[in-house]
């Protein structure tokens, strides 16, 4: 909000005349800082609290930036659900006044679909230990015999995990799953 004030300057010279001038001076307010966001999967719609900025400079916290003249912008992220992204907005109005704000955005609204190629299981064959690499969290594993007898199960954390297989030589089925999909491997234990 801008405000206008009448400013009067009066001057008087010693042993001389006096004069004054009045001028209207407008003081411009900074743009209203802050923004809202709505998450849909890994796509986020950001909306500034300021309606009348001349520039909306967004830093999406993932190494990308954009400068737009509208208060709403949509950005798609590559990071996984559960990632915290620090998003910043700098506003500038026509008078050149600026405001900025940053918010931590938690991307959690969707379980990411995995592909079997996203998961690595090695070595196979092995000596009773297998390494599993998954770049995402939120998965369970189960090891069964070929006749579907459950041998072991647990929760897998993202990254790399060493998993102990049964101590007997043979072929086992490794299942890795989340709420959306399941993948299977035949793993061979040699002794």
N, C-alpha and C. Protein backbone atom coordinates (compact mmCIF):
# COMPACT_ATOMS: atom_id res chain seq x y z
N UNK A 1 0.84 -1.18 0.00
CA UNK A 1 0.00 0.00 0.00
C UNK A 1 0.89 1.24 0.00
N UNK A 2 0.61 2.14 -0.88
CA UNK A 2 1.36 3.39 -0.97
C UNK A 2 0.62 4.48 -0.21
N UNK A 3 1.38 5.39 0.35
CA UNK A 3 0.78 6.54 1.02
C UNK A 3 1.43 7.81 0.50
N UNK A 4 0.60 8.86 0.37
CA UNK A 4 1.09 10.15 -0.10
C UNK A 4 1.01 11.15 1.05
N UNK A 5 2.09 11.89 1.20
CA UNK A 5 2.18 12.90 2.26
C UNK A 5 2.52 14.24 1.60
N UNK A 6 1.97 15.32 2.16
CA UNK A 6 2.35 16.67 1.73
C UNK A 6 3.51 17.11 2.60
N UNK A 7 4.63 17.35 1.96
CA UNK A 7 5.84 17.74 2.68
C UNK A 7 6.12 19.22 2.37
N UNK A 8 6.32 19.98 3.42
CA UNK A 8 6.55 21.42 3.26
C UNK A 8 7.97 21.74 3.71
N UNK A 9 8.68 22.47 2.84
CA UNK A 9 10.03 22.93 3.16
C UNK A 9 9.97 24.46 3.25
N UNK A 10 10.38 24.94 4.39
CA UNK A 10 10.43 26.40 4.60
C UNK A 10 11.88 26.81 4.79
N UNK A 11 12.25 27.94 4.17
CA UNK A 11 13.62 28.45 4.31
C UNK A 11 13.57 29.94 4.58
N UNK A 12 14.48 30.39 5.42
CA UNK A 12 14.57 31.82 5.74
C UNK A 12 16.03 32.18 5.81
N UNK A 13 16.37 33.22 5.12
CA UNK A 13 17.74 33.70 5.12
C UNK A 13 17.85 34.72 6.26
N UNK A 14 19.00 34.71 6.98
CA UNK A 14 19.21 35.65 8.07
C UNK A 14 19.12 37.07 7.51
N UNK A 15 18.34 37.86 8.16
CA UNK A 15 18.09 39.24 7.75
C UNK A 15 17.56 39.30 6.32
N UNK A 16 16.80 38.26 5.92
CA UNK A 16 16.26 38.25 4.58
C UNK A 16 14.85 37.71 4.56
N UNK A 17 14.43 37.36 3.40
CA UNK A 17 13.07 36.88 3.19
C UNK A 17 12.97 35.40 3.49
N UNK A 18 11.73 34.94 3.58
CA UNK A 18 11.43 33.52 3.80
C UNK A 18 10.58 33.05 2.64
N UNK A 19 10.70 31.75 2.36
CA UNK A 19 9.87 31.16 1.31
C UNK A 19 9.63 29.70 1.69
N UNK A 20 8.63 29.10 1.08
CA UNK A 20 8.34 27.69 1.35
C UNK A 20 7.78 27.04 0.09
N UNK A 21 7.90 25.77 0.06
CA UNK A 21 7.32 24.99 -1.04
C UNK A 21 6.71 23.74 -0.43
N UNK A 22 5.59 23.31 -0.97
CA UNK A 22 4.92 22.09 -0.52
C UNK A 22 4.85 21.14 -1.72
N UNK A 23 5.20 19.91 -1.46
CA UNK A 23 5.18 18.92 -2.54
C UNK A 23 4.59 17.62 -2.01
N UNK A 24 3.80 16.96 -2.85
CA UNK A 24 3.25 15.66 -2.48
C UNK A 24 4.32 14.60 -2.71
N UNK A 25 4.59 13.80 -1.68
CA UNK A 25 5.59 12.74 -1.75
C UNK A 25 4.88 11.41 -1.49
N UNK A 26 5.06 10.48 -2.40
CA UNK A 26 4.44 9.15 -2.24
C UNK A 26 5.50 8.16 -1.77
N UNK A 27 5.18 7.48 -0.69
CA UNK A 27 6.05 6.44 -0.13
C UNK A 27 5.42 5.11 -0.53
N UNK A 28 6.19 4.29 -1.23
CA UNK A 28 5.69 3.01 -1.71
C UNK A 28 5.98 1.91 -0.70
N UNK A 29 5.01 1.06 -0.51
CA UNK A 29 5.19 -0.08 0.40
C UNK A 29 5.93 -1.20 -0.32
N UNK A 30 6.60 -2.03 0.45
CA UNK A 30 7.20 -3.23 -0.12
C UNK A 30 6.10 -4.18 -0.56
N UNK A 31 6.35 -5.00 -1.55
CA UNK A 31 5.36 -6.00 -1.93
C UNK A 31 5.11 -6.94 -0.75
N UNK A 32 3.93 -7.53 -0.72
CA UNK A 32 3.54 -8.45 0.35
C UNK A 32 4.29 -9.76 0.19
N UNK A 33 5.14 -10.09 1.16
CA UNK A 33 5.97 -11.30 1.08
C UNK A 33 5.13 -12.54 1.36
N UNK A 34 5.67 -13.68 0.98
CA UNK A 34 5.03 -14.96 1.28
C UNK A 34 4.32 -15.54 0.08
N UNK A 35 4.07 -16.85 0.17
CA UNK A 35 3.37 -17.55 -0.90
C UNK A 35 2.75 -18.83 -0.37
N UNK A 36 1.84 -19.36 -1.12
CA UNK A 36 1.17 -20.62 -0.81
C UNK A 36 1.61 -21.64 -1.87
N UNK A 37 1.40 -22.92 -1.58
CA UNK A 37 1.72 -23.93 -2.58
C UNK A 37 0.75 -25.11 -2.46
N UNK A 38 0.60 -25.80 -3.58
CA UNK A 38 -0.25 -26.99 -3.65
C UNK A 38 0.52 -28.06 -4.40
N UNK A 39 0.62 -29.25 -3.79
CA UNK A 39 1.41 -30.34 -4.35
C UNK A 39 0.50 -31.35 -5.05
N UNK A 40 0.94 -31.77 -6.22
CA UNK A 40 0.29 -32.86 -6.94
C UNK A 40 1.40 -33.76 -7.46
N UNK A 41 1.69 -34.83 -6.73
CA UNK A 41 2.83 -35.68 -7.09
C UNK A 41 4.10 -34.91 -6.87
N UNK A 42 4.91 -34.78 -7.92
CA UNK A 42 6.15 -34.01 -7.84
C UNK A 42 6.00 -32.66 -8.52
N UNK A 43 4.78 -32.28 -8.87
CA UNK A 43 4.51 -30.98 -9.46
C UNK A 43 3.89 -30.09 -8.39
N UNK A 44 4.42 -28.87 -8.26
CA UNK A 44 3.95 -27.95 -7.24
C UNK A 44 3.50 -26.65 -7.91
N UNK A 45 2.32 -26.18 -7.52
CA UNK A 45 1.81 -24.88 -7.97
C UNK A 45 2.05 -23.88 -6.85
N UNK A 46 2.82 -22.84 -7.14
CA UNK A 46 3.14 -21.80 -6.17
C UNK A 46 2.33 -20.55 -6.51
N UNK A 47 1.76 -19.91 -5.48
CA UNK A 47 0.98 -18.69 -5.67
C UNK A 47 1.44 -17.65 -4.66
N UNK A 48 1.90 -16.52 -5.15
CA UNK A 48 2.37 -15.43 -4.30
C UNK A 48 1.21 -14.79 -3.55
N UNK A 49 1.49 -14.28 -2.34
CA UNK A 49 0.49 -13.52 -1.59
C UNK A 49 0.30 -12.12 -2.17
N UNK A 50 1.22 -11.67 -3.02
CA UNK A 50 1.16 -10.34 -3.63
C UNK A 50 0.51 -10.43 -5.00
N UNK A 51 -0.50 -9.61 -5.22
CA UNK A 51 -1.22 -9.61 -6.51
C UNK A 51 -0.60 -8.70 -7.55
N UNK A 52 0.10 -7.65 -7.13
CA UNK A 52 0.49 -6.60 -8.06
C UNK A 52 1.99 -6.35 -8.17
N UNK A 53 2.79 -7.38 -8.04
CA UNK A 53 4.23 -7.19 -8.23
C UNK A 53 4.52 -7.09 -9.73
N UNK A 54 5.60 -6.41 -10.05
CA UNK A 54 5.99 -6.33 -11.46
C UNK A 54 6.89 -7.51 -11.84
N UNK A 55 7.59 -8.10 -10.85
CA UNK A 55 8.44 -9.27 -11.07
C UNK A 55 8.27 -10.24 -9.92
N UNK A 56 8.15 -11.52 -10.26
CA UNK A 56 8.13 -12.60 -9.29
C UNK A 56 9.32 -13.49 -9.61
N UNK A 57 10.38 -13.41 -8.81
CA UNK A 57 11.60 -14.18 -9.04
C UNK A 57 11.60 -15.40 -8.12
N UNK A 58 11.42 -16.59 -8.72
CA UNK A 58 11.33 -17.83 -7.95
C UNK A 58 12.64 -18.59 -7.99
N UNK A 59 13.07 -19.09 -6.83
CA UNK A 59 14.17 -20.04 -6.73
C UNK A 59 13.55 -21.31 -6.16
N UNK A 60 13.48 -22.38 -6.97
CA UNK A 60 12.73 -23.57 -6.62
C UNK A 60 13.49 -24.53 -5.70
N UNK A 61 14.72 -24.20 -5.31
CA UNK A 61 15.45 -25.02 -4.36
C UNK A 61 16.09 -26.27 -4.94
N UNK A 62 15.95 -26.45 -6.25
CA UNK A 62 16.55 -27.62 -6.91
C UNK A 62 17.56 -27.19 -7.97
N UNK A 63 18.03 -25.94 -7.87
CA UNK A 63 18.99 -25.44 -8.84
C UNK A 63 18.36 -24.71 -10.01
N UNK A 64 17.03 -24.62 -10.03
CA UNK A 64 16.37 -23.90 -11.12
C UNK A 64 15.69 -22.65 -10.58
N UNK A 65 15.63 -21.64 -11.44
CA UNK A 65 15.02 -20.35 -11.11
C UNK A 65 14.17 -19.90 -12.28
N UNK A 66 13.23 -19.02 -12.01
CA UNK A 66 12.48 -18.38 -13.08
C UNK A 66 12.01 -17.01 -12.62
N UNK A 67 11.84 -16.12 -13.57
CA UNK A 67 11.32 -14.79 -13.30
C UNK A 67 10.09 -14.60 -14.17
N UNK A 68 8.93 -14.34 -13.53
CA UNK A 68 7.67 -14.21 -14.25
C UNK A 68 6.96 -12.94 -13.81
N UNK A 69 5.93 -12.59 -14.54
CA UNK A 69 5.14 -11.40 -14.21
C UNK A 69 3.76 -11.76 -13.68
N UNK A 70 3.50 -13.05 -13.48
CA UNK A 70 2.23 -13.49 -12.91
C UNK A 70 2.47 -14.07 -11.53
N UNK A 71 1.46 -14.03 -10.67
CA UNK A 71 1.63 -14.44 -9.28
C UNK A 71 1.66 -15.95 -9.08
N UNK A 72 1.27 -16.73 -10.09
CA UNK A 72 1.22 -18.19 -9.98
C UNK A 72 2.18 -18.82 -10.97
N UNK A 73 2.91 -19.85 -10.51
CA UNK A 73 3.84 -20.57 -11.36
C UNK A 73 3.77 -22.05 -10.98
N UNK A 74 3.97 -22.93 -11.96
CA UNK A 74 3.96 -24.38 -11.73
C UNK A 74 5.37 -24.91 -12.00
N UNK A 75 5.86 -25.77 -11.09
CA UNK A 75 7.20 -26.33 -11.25
C UNK A 75 7.16 -27.83 -10.98
N UNK A 76 7.83 -28.62 -11.84
CA UNK A 76 7.93 -30.07 -11.67
C UNK A 76 9.31 -30.41 -11.11
N UNK A 77 9.32 -31.20 -10.04
CA UNK A 77 10.56 -31.60 -9.38
C UNK A 77 10.98 -32.99 -9.82
N UNK A 78 12.28 -33.26 -9.75
CA UNK A 78 12.83 -34.59 -10.00
C UNK A 78 13.13 -35.33 -8.72
N UNK A 79 13.12 -34.62 -7.59
CA UNK A 79 13.45 -35.26 -6.32
C UNK A 79 12.31 -36.18 -5.88
N UNK A 80 12.64 -37.08 -5.00
CA UNK A 80 11.71 -38.12 -4.59
C UNK A 80 10.76 -37.64 -3.51
N UNK A 81 9.61 -38.32 -3.36
CA UNK A 81 8.74 -37.99 -2.24
C UNK A 81 9.51 -38.07 -0.93
N UNK A 82 9.20 -37.21 -0.02
CA UNK A 82 9.91 -37.14 1.24
C UNK A 82 11.03 -36.11 1.22
N UNK A 83 11.35 -35.57 0.06
CA UNK A 83 12.39 -34.56 -0.04
C UNK A 83 11.88 -33.22 0.48
N UNK A 84 12.75 -32.51 1.21
CA UNK A 84 12.41 -31.16 1.65
C UNK A 84 13.13 -30.20 0.73
N UNK A 85 12.38 -29.31 0.11
CA UNK A 85 12.90 -28.34 -0.85
C UNK A 85 12.70 -26.94 -0.25
N UNK A 86 13.76 -26.13 -0.21
CA UNK A 86 13.64 -24.76 0.27
C UNK A 86 13.40 -23.85 -0.93
N UNK A 87 12.18 -23.30 -1.00
CA UNK A 87 11.76 -22.47 -2.12
C UNK A 87 11.75 -21.01 -1.68
N UNK A 88 12.29 -20.13 -2.52
CA UNK A 88 12.33 -18.70 -2.19
C UNK A 88 11.68 -17.88 -3.29
N UNK A 89 11.04 -16.80 -2.88
CA UNK A 89 10.41 -15.87 -3.80
C UNK A 89 10.87 -14.46 -3.48
N UNK A 90 11.38 -13.75 -4.50
CA UNK A 90 11.71 -12.34 -4.36
C UNK A 90 10.74 -11.57 -5.25
N UNK A 91 10.11 -10.56 -4.66
CA UNK A 91 9.12 -9.74 -5.38
C UNK A 91 9.68 -8.34 -5.58
N UNK A 92 9.26 -7.74 -6.69
CA UNK A 92 9.62 -6.34 -6.94
C UNK A 92 8.39 -5.65 -7.51
N UNK A 93 8.08 -4.45 -6.98
CA UNK A 93 6.95 -3.71 -7.53
C UNK A 93 7.45 -2.64 -8.51
N UNK A 94 6.53 -1.89 -9.11
CA UNK A 94 6.89 -0.89 -10.12
C UNK A 94 7.79 0.21 -9.57
N UNK A 95 7.72 0.45 -8.25
CA UNK A 95 8.55 1.48 -7.64
C UNK A 95 9.96 0.97 -7.32
N UNK A 96 10.21 -0.32 -7.58
CA UNK A 96 11.53 -0.88 -7.31
C UNK A 96 11.69 -1.40 -5.89
N UNK A 97 10.60 -1.40 -5.11
CA UNK A 97 10.65 -1.93 -3.74
C UNK A 97 10.62 -3.46 -3.81
N UNK A 98 11.36 -4.11 -2.89
CA UNK A 98 11.48 -5.57 -2.93
C UNK A 98 11.14 -6.19 -1.59
N UNK A 99 10.67 -7.43 -1.66
CA UNK A 99 10.45 -8.28 -0.49
C UNK A 99 10.85 -9.69 -0.88
N UNK A 100 11.23 -10.48 0.12
CA UNK A 100 11.51 -11.88 -0.19
C UNK A 100 11.08 -12.77 0.97
N UNK A 101 10.88 -14.04 0.66
CA UNK A 101 10.51 -15.03 1.66
C UNK A 101 10.90 -16.41 1.16
N UNK A 102 11.14 -17.33 2.10
CA UNK A 102 11.50 -18.71 1.77
C UNK A 102 10.64 -19.65 2.62
N UNK A 103 10.27 -20.78 2.03
CA UNK A 103 9.47 -21.79 2.72
C UNK A 103 10.06 -23.16 2.40
N UNK A 104 10.13 -24.04 3.42
CA UNK A 104 10.49 -25.44 3.19
C UNK A 104 9.26 -26.20 2.72
N UNK A 105 9.37 -26.83 1.56
CA UNK A 105 8.26 -27.58 0.97
C UNK A 105 8.60 -29.06 1.07
N UNK A 106 7.71 -29.85 1.68
CA UNK A 106 7.91 -31.29 1.81
C UNK A 106 7.11 -32.00 0.73
N UNK A 107 7.80 -32.70 -0.17
CA UNK A 107 7.15 -33.41 -1.26
C UNK A 107 6.78 -34.81 -0.78
N UNK A 108 5.52 -35.01 -0.44
CA UNK A 108 5.11 -36.31 0.12
C UNK A 108 3.81 -36.85 -0.44
N UNK A 109 3.21 -36.24 -1.42
CA UNK A 109 1.85 -36.62 -1.77
C UNK A 109 1.73 -37.83 -2.66
N UNK A 110 2.81 -38.42 -3.14
CA UNK A 110 2.67 -39.52 -4.08
C UNK A 110 3.82 -40.51 -3.90
N UNK A 111 3.51 -41.79 -3.97
CA UNK A 111 4.55 -42.80 -3.97
C UNK A 111 5.07 -42.90 -5.40
N UNK A 112 6.37 -42.81 -5.56
CA UNK A 112 6.94 -42.83 -6.89
C UNK A 112 6.88 -44.23 -7.49
N UNK A 113 6.50 -44.30 -8.73
CA UNK A 113 6.49 -45.58 -9.44
C UNK A 113 7.93 -45.98 -9.71
N UNK A 114 8.23 -47.24 -9.41
CA UNK A 114 9.58 -47.73 -9.66
C UNK A 114 9.57 -48.64 -10.87
N UNK A 115 10.72 -48.79 -11.46
CA UNK A 115 10.92 -49.74 -12.55
C UNK A 115 11.91 -50.78 -12.04
N UNK A 116 11.83 -51.97 -12.59
CA UNK A 116 12.77 -53.00 -12.16
C UNK A 116 14.21 -52.56 -12.43
N UNK A 117 14.40 -51.78 -13.48
CA UNK A 117 15.75 -51.30 -13.79
C UNK A 117 16.28 -50.31 -12.76
N UNK A 118 15.41 -49.76 -11.88
CA UNK A 118 15.83 -48.87 -10.81
C UNK A 118 16.50 -49.63 -9.66
N UNK A 119 16.32 -50.95 -9.62
CA UNK A 119 16.78 -51.78 -8.52
C UNK A 119 17.92 -52.68 -9.00
N UNK A 120 18.98 -52.77 -8.20
CA UNK A 120 20.10 -53.66 -8.52
C UNK A 120 20.21 -54.72 -7.43
N UNK A 121 20.38 -55.98 -7.84
CA UNK A 121 20.57 -57.10 -6.93
C UNK A 121 21.84 -57.81 -7.38
N UNK A 122 22.87 -57.85 -6.50
CA UNK A 122 24.14 -58.45 -6.90
C UNK A 122 24.91 -58.91 -5.66
N UNK A 123 25.84 -59.83 -5.76
CA UNK A 123 26.10 -60.70 -6.91
C UNK A 123 25.05 -61.81 -6.98
N UNK A 124 24.90 -62.35 -8.11
CA UNK A 124 23.95 -63.44 -8.30
C UNK A 124 24.49 -64.35 -9.38
N UNK A 125 24.96 -65.53 -9.04
CA UNK A 125 24.90 -66.24 -7.77
C UNK A 125 25.78 -65.59 -6.70
N UNK A 126 25.53 -66.03 -5.43
CA UNK A 126 26.23 -65.44 -4.29
C UNK A 126 26.53 -66.50 -3.25
N UNK A 127 27.23 -66.12 -2.19
CA UNK A 127 27.60 -67.06 -1.13
C UNK A 127 26.75 -66.90 0.12
N UNK A 128 25.54 -66.38 -0.03
CA UNK A 128 24.64 -66.20 1.11
C UNK A 128 24.39 -64.75 1.48
N UNK A 129 25.04 -63.85 0.78
CA UNK A 129 24.82 -62.42 1.00
C UNK A 129 24.61 -61.75 -0.35
N UNK A 130 23.62 -60.90 -0.44
CA UNK A 130 23.33 -60.18 -1.67
C UNK A 130 23.20 -58.70 -1.32
N UNK A 131 23.67 -57.85 -2.21
CA UNK A 131 23.55 -56.40 -2.03
C UNK A 131 22.39 -55.91 -2.89
N UNK A 132 21.54 -55.09 -2.28
CA UNK A 132 20.40 -54.50 -2.99
C UNK A 132 20.60 -52.99 -2.99
N UNK A 133 20.44 -52.40 -4.15
CA UNK A 133 20.52 -50.94 -4.28
C UNK A 133 19.20 -50.43 -4.82
N UNK A 134 18.55 -49.55 -4.05
CA UNK A 134 17.28 -48.92 -4.46
C UNK A 134 17.42 -47.43 -4.18
N UNK A 135 17.16 -46.58 -5.18
CA UNK A 135 17.31 -45.15 -4.95
C UNK A 135 16.13 -44.50 -4.23
N UNK A 136 15.13 -45.30 -3.82
CA UNK A 136 13.92 -44.76 -3.18
C UNK A 136 13.68 -45.47 -1.86
N UNK A 137 12.89 -44.86 -0.98
CA UNK A 137 12.52 -45.50 0.28
C UNK A 137 11.08 -45.98 0.20
N UNK A 138 10.65 -46.72 1.21
CA UNK A 138 9.27 -47.16 1.29
C UNK A 138 9.02 -48.52 0.67
N UNK A 139 10.01 -49.44 0.71
CA UNK A 139 9.86 -50.75 0.11
C UNK A 139 10.04 -51.85 1.14
N UNK A 140 9.39 -52.96 0.90
CA UNK A 140 9.53 -54.15 1.71
C UNK A 140 10.22 -55.21 0.86
N UNK A 141 10.85 -56.17 1.54
CA UNK A 141 11.42 -57.30 0.82
C UNK A 141 10.94 -58.58 1.48
N UNK A 142 10.91 -59.65 0.70
CA UNK A 142 10.56 -60.97 1.20
C UNK A 142 11.40 -61.99 0.44
N UNK A 143 11.93 -62.98 1.16
CA UNK A 143 12.69 -64.06 0.54
C UNK A 143 11.91 -65.34 0.78
N UNK A 144 11.66 -66.07 -0.30
CA UNK A 144 10.88 -67.32 -0.21
C UNK A 144 11.62 -68.42 -0.95
N UNK A 145 11.27 -69.65 -0.59
CA UNK A 145 11.78 -70.79 -1.35
C UNK A 145 10.99 -70.88 -2.64
N UNK A 146 11.42 -71.77 -3.56
CA UNK A 146 10.69 -71.96 -4.81
C UNK A 146 9.29 -72.51 -4.57
N UNK A 147 9.09 -73.17 -3.42
CA UNK A 147 7.76 -73.69 -3.09
C UNK A 147 6.94 -72.68 -2.28
N UNK A 148 7.34 -71.40 -2.32
CA UNK A 148 6.62 -70.27 -1.71
C UNK A 148 6.62 -70.25 -0.19
N UNK A 149 7.56 -70.93 0.46
CA UNK A 149 7.69 -70.84 1.91
C UNK A 149 8.49 -69.59 2.25
N UNK A 150 7.92 -68.70 3.05
CA UNK A 150 8.58 -67.46 3.44
C UNK A 150 9.76 -67.78 4.36
N UNK A 151 10.93 -67.27 4.00
CA UNK A 151 12.15 -67.48 4.78
C UNK A 151 12.48 -66.24 5.62
N UNK A 152 12.32 -65.07 5.03
CA UNK A 152 12.71 -63.83 5.69
C UNK A 152 11.99 -62.66 5.03
N UNK A 153 11.67 -61.64 5.83
CA UNK A 153 11.08 -60.42 5.27
C UNK A 153 11.49 -59.23 6.11
N UNK A 154 11.37 -58.04 5.54
CA UNK A 154 11.74 -56.84 6.26
C UNK A 154 11.49 -55.59 5.43
N UNK A 155 11.94 -54.47 5.96
CA UNK A 155 11.77 -53.17 5.31
C UNK A 155 13.12 -52.76 4.74
N UNK A 156 13.09 -52.21 3.54
CA UNK A 156 14.31 -51.77 2.89
C UNK A 156 14.36 -50.25 2.92
N UNK A 157 15.50 -49.70 3.33
CA UNK A 157 15.71 -48.25 3.30
C UNK A 157 16.47 -47.91 2.02
N UNK A 158 16.26 -46.70 1.51
CA UNK A 158 16.90 -46.33 0.25
C UNK A 158 18.41 -46.33 0.41
N UNK A 159 19.07 -46.50 -0.71
CA UNK A 159 20.52 -46.57 -0.72
C UNK A 159 20.95 -47.99 -1.02
N UNK A 160 21.92 -48.47 -0.25
CA UNK A 160 22.44 -49.81 -0.49
C UNK A 160 22.35 -50.60 0.81
N UNK A 161 21.85 -51.82 0.72
CA UNK A 161 21.69 -52.66 1.90
C UNK A 161 22.20 -54.06 1.60
N UNK A 162 22.97 -54.62 2.55
CA UNK A 162 23.44 -55.99 2.44
C UNK A 162 22.42 -56.89 3.11
N UNK A 163 21.96 -57.88 2.39
CA UNK A 163 20.90 -58.75 2.88
C UNK A 163 21.44 -60.17 3.01
N UNK A 164 21.26 -60.77 4.18
CA UNK A 164 21.69 -62.15 4.39
C UNK A 164 20.60 -63.10 3.93
N UNK A 165 21.00 -64.04 3.09
CA UNK A 165 20.08 -65.04 2.55
C UNK A 165 20.18 -66.31 3.40
N UNK A 166 19.31 -67.30 3.15
CA UNK A 166 19.40 -68.55 3.90
C UNK A 166 20.79 -69.17 3.77
N UNK A 167 21.19 -69.93 4.78
CA UNK A 167 22.52 -70.51 4.85
C UNK A 167 22.65 -71.78 4.00
N UNK A 168 21.59 -72.21 3.36
CA UNK A 168 21.62 -73.42 2.54
C UNK A 168 21.72 -73.04 1.07
N UNK A 169 22.50 -73.81 0.34
CA UNK A 169 22.60 -73.60 -1.11
C UNK A 169 21.23 -73.85 -1.74
N UNK A 170 20.92 -73.11 -2.77
CA UNK A 170 19.66 -73.30 -3.46
C UNK A 170 19.22 -72.05 -4.19
N UNK A 171 18.03 -72.14 -4.78
CA UNK A 171 17.45 -71.02 -5.51
C UNK A 171 16.31 -70.46 -4.67
N UNK A 172 16.31 -69.15 -4.50
CA UNK A 172 15.29 -68.46 -3.71
C UNK A 172 14.67 -67.35 -4.54
N UNK A 173 13.50 -66.93 -4.11
CA UNK A 173 12.79 -65.83 -4.77
C UNK A 173 12.87 -64.61 -3.86
N UNK A 174 13.39 -63.51 -4.41
CA UNK A 174 13.46 -62.23 -3.70
C UNK A 174 12.37 -61.34 -4.27
N UNK A 175 11.49 -60.85 -3.41
CA UNK A 175 10.41 -59.93 -3.81
C UNK A 175 10.69 -58.57 -3.18
N UNK A 176 10.67 -57.53 -4.01
CA UNK A 176 10.78 -56.16 -3.53
C UNK A 176 9.52 -55.43 -3.99
N UNK A 177 8.82 -54.78 -3.03
CA UNK A 177 7.51 -54.20 -3.36
C UNK A 177 7.23 -52.96 -2.54
N UNK A 178 6.38 -52.10 -3.10
CA UNK A 178 5.76 -51.03 -2.33
C UNK A 178 4.26 -51.14 -2.57
N UNK A 179 3.49 -50.11 -2.25
CA UNK A 179 2.04 -50.22 -2.41
C UNK A 179 1.59 -50.27 -3.86
N UNK A 180 2.45 -49.87 -4.79
CA UNK A 180 2.06 -49.81 -6.21
C UNK A 180 2.53 -50.97 -7.05
N UNK A 181 3.69 -51.53 -6.76
CA UNK A 181 4.23 -52.56 -7.64
C UNK A 181 5.11 -53.53 -6.87
N UNK A 182 5.31 -54.70 -7.49
CA UNK A 182 6.16 -55.75 -6.93
C UNK A 182 7.07 -56.27 -8.02
N UNK A 183 8.34 -56.57 -7.65
CA UNK A 183 9.29 -57.14 -8.59
C UNK A 183 9.96 -58.34 -7.95
N UNK A 184 10.32 -59.31 -8.79
CA UNK A 184 10.85 -60.59 -8.31
C UNK A 184 12.18 -60.90 -8.99
N UNK A 185 13.08 -61.53 -8.22
CA UNK A 185 14.36 -62.02 -8.74
C UNK A 185 14.57 -63.44 -8.24
N UNK A 186 15.17 -64.25 -9.07
CA UNK A 186 15.67 -65.54 -8.62
C UNK A 186 17.10 -65.30 -8.16
N UNK A 187 17.38 -65.65 -6.93
CA UNK A 187 18.73 -65.50 -6.41
C UNK A 187 19.27 -66.88 -6.07
N UNK A 188 20.50 -67.13 -6.43
CA UNK A 188 21.11 -68.44 -6.27
C UNK A 188 22.19 -68.35 -5.20
N UNK A 189 22.05 -69.19 -4.17
CA UNK A 189 23.04 -69.29 -3.10
C UNK A 189 23.89 -70.53 -3.38
N UNK A 190 25.20 -70.32 -3.47
CA UNK A 190 26.12 -71.47 -3.66
C UNK A 190 27.02 -71.54 -2.43
N UNK A 191 27.32 -72.71 -2.00
CA UNK A 191 28.17 -72.88 -0.80
C UNK A 191 29.33 -73.77 -1.13
